Amino acid sequence: MPSANVTYGSFDYTSLLYLSDYSRDFEGGRFVFIDAGSNSTVEPKAGRLSFFTSGSENLHQVEKVRWGTRYAITISFTCDPDHSIGDPTGT
């Protein structure tokens, strides 16, 4: 599975904040970094924050959730002003 940067193009960094716990709230749904030598797996835990560069150096996938519900907030960051979101203006 391609990284978010390959998929969406404008992300330089991605963060994931987990809101539910692996094996208590759901089964499956672990985040897996794909490496040639061996994969690295992050087991979601409420309050755990994962932060990584979003380029092809961090290809990843998420396992299919087998039961329960996996909650997470994804926040993506860009360093490119052309892809930035402007500051909100008060009305």
C-alpha atoms as a PDB file:
ATOM      1  CA  MET A   1       0.000   0.000   0.000  1.00  0.00           C
ATOM      2  CA  PRO A   2       1.460   3.429  -0.865  1.00  0.00           C
ATOM      3  CA  SER A   3       2.200   6.037   1.743  1.00  0.00           C
ATOM      4  CA  ALA A   4      -0.174   8.970   2.256  1.00  0.00           C
ATOM      5  CA  ASN A   5       2.278  11.221   0.394  1.00  0.00           C
ATOM      6  CA  VAL A   6       2.159   9.030  -2.692  1.00  0.00           C
ATOM      7  CA  THR A   7      -1.624   8.868  -2.434  1.00  0.00           C
ATOM      8  CA  TYR A   8      -2.329  12.512  -1.652  1.00  0.00           C
ATOM      9  CA  GLY A   9       0.824  14.283  -2.849  1.00  0.00           C
ATOM     10  CA  SER A  10       0.796  17.272  -0.519  1.00  0.00           C
ATOM     11  CA  PHE A  11       1.676  15.728   2.853  1.00  0.00           C
ATOM     12  CA  ASP A  12       5.202  16.056   4.233  1.00  0.00           C
ATOM     13  CA  TYR A  13       4.401  14.649   7.688  1.00  0.00           C
ATOM     14  CA  THR A  14       1.539  12.616   9.096  1.00  0.00           C
ATOM     15  CA  SER A  15       0.471  12.078  12.686  1.00  0.00           C
ATOM     16  CA  LEU A  16      -1.998   9.592  14.123  1.00  0.00           C
ATOM     17  CA  LEU A  17      -3.544   9.978  17.552  1.00  0.00           C
ATOM     18  CA  TYR A  18      -5.158   6.753  18.701  1.00  0.00           C
ATOM     19  CA  LEU A  19      -8.423   6.985  20.632  1.00  0.00           C
ATOM     20  CA  SER A  20      -9.071   3.282  21.221  1.00  0.00           C
ATOM     21  CA  ASP A  21      -7.044   0.275  22.383  1.00  0.00           C
ATOM     22  CA  TYR A  22      -5.912  -2.691  20.293  1.00  0.00           C
ATOM     23  CA  SER A  23      -7.337  -6.040  21.533  1.00  0.00           C
ATOM     24  CA  ARG A  24      -9.653  -4.325  24.049  1.00  0.00           C
ATOM     25  CA  ASP A  25     -11.791  -2.212  21.713  1.00  0.00           C
ATOM     26  CA  PHE A  26     -10.996  -3.970  18.422  1.00  0.00           C
ATOM     27  CA  GLU A  27      -8.874  -6.682  16.810  1.00  0.00           C
ATOM     28  CA  GLY A  28      -6.727  -6.089  13.714  1.00  0.00           C
ATOM     29  CA  GLY A  29      -6.253  -2.467  12.653  1.00  0.00           C
ATOM     30  CA  ARG A  30      -2.565  -2.280  13.563  1.00  0.00           C
ATOM     31  CA  PHE A  31      -0.412   0.231  11.651  1.00  0.00           C
ATOM     32  CA  VAL A  32       2.429  -1.467   9.757  1.00  0.00           C
ATOM     33  CA  PHE A  33       5.497   0.260   8.294  1.00  0.00           C
ATOM     34  CA  ILE A  34       6.655  -1.823   5.321  1.00  0.00           C
ATOM     35  CA  ASP A  35      10.434  -2.357   5.233  1.00  0.00           C
ATOM     36  CA  ALA A  36      12.494  -4.624   2.982  1.00  0.00           C
ATOM     37  CA  GLY A  37      14.249  -6.267   5.951  1.00  0.00           C
ATOM     38  CA  SER A  38      11.318  -6.540   8.331  1.00  0.00           C
ATOM     39  CA  ASN A  39       8.094  -4.690   8.995  1.00  0.00           C
ATOM     40  CA  SER A  40       7.510  -2.543  12.086  1.00  0.00           C
ATOM     41  CA  THR A  41       4.079  -2.675  13.707  1.00  0.00           C
ATOM     42  CA  VAL A  42       2.416  -0.046  15.886  1.00  0.00           C
ATOM     43  CA  GLU A  43      -0.338  -1.361  18.147  1.00  0.00           C
ATOM     44  CA  PRO A  44      -2.926   1.370  18.722  1.00  0.00           C
ATOM     45  CA  LYS A  45      -3.400   2.478  22.323  1.00  0.00           C
ATOM     46  CA  ALA A  46      -5.614   5.371  23.418  1.00  0.00           C
ATOM     47  CA  GLY A  47      -3.404   8.466  23.746  1.00  0.00           C
ATOM     48  CA  ARG A  48      -0.525   7.056  21.666  1.00  0.00           C
ATOM     49  CA  LEU A  49       0.760   9.473  19.015  1.00  0.00           C
ATOM     50  CA  SER A  50       2.612   8.296  15.930  1.00  0.00           C
ATOM     51  CA  PHE A  51       4.399  10.939  13.812  1.00  0.00           C
ATOM     52  CA  PHE A  52       6.343  10.205  10.630  1.00  0.00           C
ATOM     53  CA  THR A  53       7.460  11.635   7.300  1.00  0.00           C
ATOM     54  CA  SER A  54       4.920  10.893   4.586  1.00  0.00           C
ATOM     55  CA  GLY A  55       7.218  10.102   1.670  1.00  0.00           C
ATOM     56  CA  SER A  56       8.080   6.796   0.047  1.00  0.00           C
ATOM     57  CA  GLU A  57      10.617   6.147   2.856  1.00  0.00           C
ATOM     58  CA  ASN A  58       7.659   5.283   5.123  1.00  0.00           C
ATOM     59  CA  LEU A  59       5.418   3.011   3.078  1.00  0.00           C
ATOM     60  CA  HIS A  60       2.702   1.649   5.316  1.00  0.00           C
ATOM     61  CA  GLN A  61      -0.623  -0.099   5.562  1.00  0.00           C
ATOM     62  CA  VAL A  62      -3.310  -0.640   8.174  1.00  0.00           C
ATOM     63  CA  GLU A  63      -4.552  -4.138   8.908  1.00  0.00           C
ATOM     64  CA  LYS A  64      -8.236  -4.834   8.382  1.00  0.00           C
ATOM     65  CA  VAL A  65     -10.233  -4.491  11.621  1.00  0.00           C
ATOM     66  CA  ARG A  66     -11.683  -7.936  12.404  1.00  0.00           C
ATOM     67  CA  TRP A  67     -14.049  -6.861  15.195  1.00  0.00           C
ATOM     68  CA  GLY A  68     -14.908  -3.753  17.192  1.00  0.00           C
ATOM     69  CA  THR A  69     -14.196  -0.156  16.215  1.00  0.00           C
ATOM     70  CA  ARG A  70     -10.782   1.492  15.787  1.00  0.00           C
ATOM     71  CA  TYR A  71     -10.820   5.245  16.425  1.00  0.00           C
ATOM     72  CA  ALA A  72      -7.931   7.507  15.411  1.00  0.00           C
ATOM     73  CA  ILE A  73      -7.401  11.117  14.389  1.00  0.00           C
ATOM     74  CA  THR A  74      -5.140  11.681  11.387  1.00  0.00           C
ATOM     75  CA  ILE A  75      -3.443  15.065  11.076  1.00  0.00           C
ATOM     76  CA  SER A  76      -1.333  15.783   8.004  1.00  0.00           C
ATOM     77  CA  PHE A  77       1.252  18.540   7.644  1.00  0.00           C
ATOM     78  CA  THR A  78       2.766  20.254   4.617  1.00  0.00           C
ATOM     79  CA  CYS A  79       5.839  22.445   4.209  1.00  0.00           C
ATOM     80  CA  ASP A  80       4.655  23.668   0.797  1.00  0.00           C
ATOM     81  CA  PRO A  81       2.837  27.029   0.945  1.00  0.00           C
ATOM     82  CA  ASP A  82       0.961  26.079  -2.242  1.00  0.00           C
ATOM     83  CA  HIS A  83      -0.752  23.259  -0.321  1.00  0.00           C
ATOM     84  CA  SER A  84      -1.315  25.148   2.918  1.00  0.00           C
ATOM     85  CA  ILE A  85      -4.677  26.068   4.379  1.00  0.00           C
ATOM     86  CA  GLY A  86      -5.051  29.727   5.183  1.00  0.00           C
ATOM     87  CA  ASP A  87      -5.724  31.030   8.661  1.00  0.00           C
ATOM     88  CA  PRO A  88      -9.426  31.416   9.422  1.00  0.00           C
ATOM     89  CA  THR A  89     -10.835  34.903   9.397  1.00  0.00           C
ATOM     90  CA  GLY A  90     -13.323  36.063  12.004  1.00  0.00           C
ATOM     91  CA  THR A  91     -16.701  37.291  10.894  1.00  0.00           C
END
